[in-house]
């Protein structure tokens, strides 16, 4: 729950940065024809959500950040970003649920990374296959065809490639969780150092 101006400002900053990466990062990855775009963008999301969880005090700030980012993207790009915005919201709900279990720590961040990024693998099946009505099997065939064309791998059967693609998403999530945790630790150390300097400066002023 947002209770201070600092939280509002921080959420606005994080949400804006995340939205910019979502929009321009997606354009860049598409222009370069880089595969696993969803996993890469979701990985950035894990970093932003983890930073919000551990640097801002508030139980539901992670959910608020995801809602803000999804709304911004939808407002900027319109209905064309409906499914990606929904993906951001579902990722956020998954991550927020994990952070609510016990006292959040490194294991929570790594698990959130794995679950959140792996969700990007299932995202087209849910949005295009179920909600849009294209059919799960059609989405599956489209995924296999495009993926095997990109990697030019004919050594795997479609089913084997399906699970390989899923494994790659999970590995991306694992790496994203580790990077997010290290970044959170770095930010917390910098904030602590800054607080100590400010406290030391104020004490010196009082002594004088």
Protein backbone atom coordinates (compact mmCIF):
# COMPACT_ATOMS: atom_id res chain seq x y z
CA UNK A 1 0.00 0.00 0.00
CA UNK A 2 1.34 3.45 -0.98
CA UNK A 3 1.63 5.62 2.12
CA UNK A 4 4.20 8.31 1.28
CA UNK A 5 5.29 10.73 -1.41
CA UNK A 6 8.61 8.89 -1.65
CA UNK A 7 6.86 5.65 -2.52
CA UNK A 8 4.70 7.37 -5.13
CA UNK A 9 7.72 9.04 -6.72
CA UNK A 10 9.78 5.86 -6.72
CA UNK A 11 6.96 3.81 -8.22
CA UNK A 12 6.41 6.43 -10.92
CA UNK A 13 10.12 6.38 -11.79
CA UNK A 14 10.41 2.59 -11.83
CA UNK A 15 7.17 2.20 -13.77
CA UNK A 16 8.22 4.76 -16.38
CA UNK A 17 11.64 3.15 -16.86
CA UNK A 18 10.12 -0.31 -17.13
CA UNK A 19 7.56 0.92 -19.66
CA UNK A 20 10.29 2.56 -21.77
CA UNK A 21 12.28 -0.68 -21.81
CA UNK A 22 9.14 -2.64 -22.70
CA UNK A 23 8.37 -0.41 -25.68
CA UNK A 24 11.78 0.44 -27.11
CA UNK A 25 13.41 -2.81 -26.03
CA UNK A 26 10.75 -4.75 -27.91
CA UNK A 27 11.25 -2.60 -31.02
CA UNK A 28 15.02 -3.12 -30.86
CA UNK A 29 14.78 -6.88 -30.36
CA UNK A 30 12.29 -7.18 -33.22
CA UNK A 31 14.48 -5.14 -35.57
CA UNK A 32 17.47 -7.34 -34.73
CA UNK A 33 15.30 -10.48 -35.00
CA UNK A 34 16.50 -11.72 -31.64
CA UNK A 35 14.58 -14.75 -30.33
CA UNK A 36 13.23 -15.12 -26.79
CA UNK A 37 12.07 -11.50 -26.78
CA UNK A 38 9.39 -12.25 -24.21
CA UNK A 39 11.87 -13.90 -21.86
CA UNK A 40 14.29 -10.99 -22.15
CA UNK A 41 11.62 -8.36 -21.48
CA UNK A 42 10.17 -10.36 -18.58
CA UNK A 43 13.70 -10.58 -17.14
CA UNK A 44 13.84 -6.80 -16.96
CA UNK A 45 10.47 -6.91 -15.26
CA UNK A 46 11.84 -9.24 -12.57
CA UNK A 47 14.62 -6.75 -11.86
CA UNK A 48 12.21 -3.83 -11.48
CA UNK A 49 9.78 -5.79 -9.32
CA UNK A 50 12.58 -7.02 -7.05
CA UNK A 51 13.99 -3.52 -6.63
CA UNK A 52 10.53 -2.27 -5.67
CA UNK A 53 10.09 -5.09 -3.16
CA UNK A 54 13.36 -4.59 -1.31
CA UNK A 55 14.02 -0.87 -1.54
CA UNK A 56 10.52 0.44 -0.83
CA UNK A 57 8.55 -0.42 2.27
CA UNK A 58 5.07 -1.58 1.41
CA UNK A 59 3.22 -4.88 1.16
CA UNK A 60 1.53 -4.39 -2.21
CA UNK A 61 3.99 -2.08 -3.98
CA UNK A 62 5.08 -4.83 -6.38
CA UNK A 63 1.52 -5.23 -7.58
CA UNK A 64 1.17 -1.46 -7.85
CA UNK A 65 4.31 -1.22 -9.98
CA UNK A 66 3.10 -3.87 -12.40
CA UNK A 67 -0.33 -2.27 -12.67
CA UNK A 68 1.23 1.14 -13.35
CA UNK A 69 3.59 -0.20 -16.02
CA UNK A 70 0.88 -2.18 -17.79
CA UNK A 71 -1.45 0.83 -17.74
CA UNK A 72 1.23 3.16 -19.13
CA UNK A 73 2.04 0.77 -21.94
CA UNK A 74 -1.63 0.35 -22.79
CA UNK A 75 -2.21 4.12 -22.80
CA UNK A 76 0.81 4.78 -25.01
CA UNK A 77 0.40 1.98 -27.55
CA UNK A 78 -3.35 1.41 -27.35
CA UNK A 79 -5.08 -1.88 -28.01
CA UNK A 80 -2.03 -3.22 -29.85
CA UNK A 81 -0.36 -3.70 -26.48
CA UNK A 82 -3.34 -5.38 -24.81
CA UNK A 83 -1.83 -8.87 -24.64
CA UNK A 84 1.68 -7.73 -23.57
CA UNK A 85 0.11 -5.51 -20.90
CA UNK A 86 -1.91 -8.47 -19.65
CA UNK A 87 1.31 -10.49 -19.58
CA UNK A 88 2.93 -7.86 -17.37
CA UNK A 89 -0.02 -7.97 -14.98
CA UNK A 90 0.03 -11.75 -14.68
CA UNK A 91 3.80 -11.77 -14.18
CA UNK A 92 3.38 -9.20 -11.43
CA UNK A 93 0.68 -11.22 -9.68
CA UNK A 94 2.90 -14.31 -9.75
CA UNK A 95 5.89 -12.42 -8.36
CA UNK A 96 3.82 -10.64 -5.72
CA UNK A 97 2.40 -13.99 -4.56
CA UNK A 98 5.89 -15.41 -4.13
CA UNK A 99 7.06 -12.36 -2.18
CA UNK A 100 4.09 -12.69 0.17
CA UNK A 101 5.19 -16.18 1.24
CA UNK A 102 7.33 -15.81 4.35
CA UNK A 103 10.08 -13.25 4.63
CA UNK A 104 11.37 -12.36 1.15
CA UNK A 105 15.02 -13.15 0.53
CA UNK A 106 17.37 -14.44 -2.13
CA UNK A 107 15.43 -17.65 -2.69
CA UNK A 108 12.24 -15.68 -3.22
CA UNK A 109 13.87 -13.47 -5.84
CA UNK A 110 15.40 -16.40 -7.73
CA UNK A 111 12.13 -18.33 -7.61
CA UNK A 112 10.22 -15.22 -8.72
CA UNK A 113 12.62 -14.89 -11.65
CA UNK A 114 12.14 -18.47 -12.73
CA UNK A 115 8.35 -18.38 -12.39
CA UNK A 116 7.93 -14.91 -13.90
CA UNK A 117 10.07 -15.51 -16.97
CA UNK A 118 8.75 -19.05 -17.49
CA UNK A 119 5.30 -17.46 -17.58
CA UNK A 120 6.36 -15.67 -20.79
CA UNK A 121 6.57 -19.11 -22.41
CA UNK A 122 2.94 -19.89 -21.56
CA UNK A 123 1.74 -16.33 -22.24
CA UNK A 124 0.84 -16.83 -25.94
CA UNK A 125 -1.01 -20.06 -25.15
CA UNK A 126 -3.21 -18.25 -22.63
CA UNK A 127 -3.75 -14.95 -24.45
CA UNK A 128 -3.83 -15.98 -28.11
CA UNK A 129 -4.79 -19.60 -27.67
CA UNK A 130 -7.49 -19.37 -25.00
CA UNK A 131 -8.64 -15.76 -24.65
CA UNK A 132 -8.37 -14.73 -28.31
CA UNK A 133 -9.67 -18.12 -29.43
CA UNK A 134 -6.87 -19.06 -31.83
CA UNK A 135 -6.54 -22.46 -30.21
CA UNK A 136 -3.70 -23.86 -28.11
CA UNK A 137 -2.63 -26.35 -30.76
CA UNK A 138 -2.36 -23.68 -33.44
CA UNK A 139 -0.27 -21.51 -31.13
CA UNK A 140 1.91 -24.54 -30.40
CA UNK A 141 2.49 -25.24 -34.10
CA UNK A 142 3.26 -21.56 -34.76
CA UNK A 143 5.74 -21.49 -31.88
CA UNK A 144 7.54 -24.62 -33.05
CA UNK A 145 7.68 -23.46 -36.68
CA UNK A 146 9.05 -20.01 -35.92
CA UNK A 147 11.51 -21.22 -33.28
CA UNK A 148 12.96 -23.99 -35.45
CA UNK A 149 13.32 -21.53 -38.35
CA UNK A 150 15.25 -19.11 -36.15
CA UNK A 151 17.62 -21.69 -34.72
CA UNK A 152 17.65 -23.96 -37.80
CA UNK A 153 17.68 -27.02 -35.57
CA UNK A 154 16.37 -30.15 -37.23
CA UNK A 155 17.87 -32.56 -34.71
CA UNK A 156 14.89 -32.29 -32.35
CA UNK A 157 11.34 -33.40 -32.77
CA UNK A 158 8.65 -30.72 -32.27
CA UNK A 159 7.87 -32.08 -28.80
CA UNK A 160 11.55 -32.14 -27.80
CA UNK A 161 11.98 -28.59 -29.06
CA UNK A 162 8.90 -27.54 -27.07
CA UNK A 163 10.51 -28.67 -23.81
CA UNK A 164 13.90 -27.24 -24.83
CA UNK A 165 12.23 -23.85 -25.41
CA UNK A 166 10.56 -24.12 -22.01
CA UNK A 167 13.89 -24.96 -20.37
CA UNK A 168 15.55 -21.94 -21.98
CA UNK A 169 12.88 -19.67 -20.50
CA UNK A 170 13.42 -21.18 -17.06
CA UNK A 171 17.19 -20.67 -17.34
CA UNK A 172 16.64 -17.05 -18.37
CA UNK A 173 14.47 -16.63 -15.28
CA UNK A 174 17.12 -18.17 -13.04
CA UNK A 175 19.76 -15.77 -14.38
CA UNK A 176 17.35 -12.83 -14.09
CA UNK A 177 16.63 -13.71 -10.45
CA UNK A 178 20.33 -13.89 -9.59
CA UNK A 179 21.05 -10.57 -11.32
CA UNK A 180 18.04 -8.96 -9.62
CA UNK A 181 19.16 -10.10 -6.17
CA UNK A 182 22.72 -8.84 -6.69
CA UNK A 183 21.39 -5.50 -7.92
CA UNK A 184 19.08 -5.23 -4.90
CA UNK A 185 22.01 -5.92 -2.57
CA UNK A 186 24.10 -3.27 -4.33
CA UNK A 187 21.33 -0.67 -4.09
CA UNK A 188 20.74 -1.42 -0.41
CA UNK A 189 24.45 -1.04 0.37
CA UNK A 190 24.59 2.27 -1.49
CA UNK A 191 21.51 3.54 0.32
CA UNK A 192 22.95 2.49 3.67
CA UNK A 193 26.25 4.21 2.91
CA UNK A 194 24.42 7.37 1.87
CA UNK A 195 22.29 7.31 5.01
CA UNK A 196 25.38 6.90 7.20
CA UNK A 197 27.09 9.83 5.49
CA UNK A 198 24.06 12.05 5.92
CA UNK A 199 23.74 11.02 9.55
CA UNK A 200 27.41 11.68 10.16
CA UNK A 201 27.16 15.09 8.50
CA UNK A 202 24.15 16.09 10.59
CA UNK A 203 25.89 15.05 13.80
CA UNK A 204 28.95 17.12 12.85
CA UNK A 205 26.76 20.15 12.25
CA UNK A 206 25.10 19.74 15.64
CA UNK A 207 28.47 19.36 17.38
CA UNK A 208 29.73 22.59 15.83
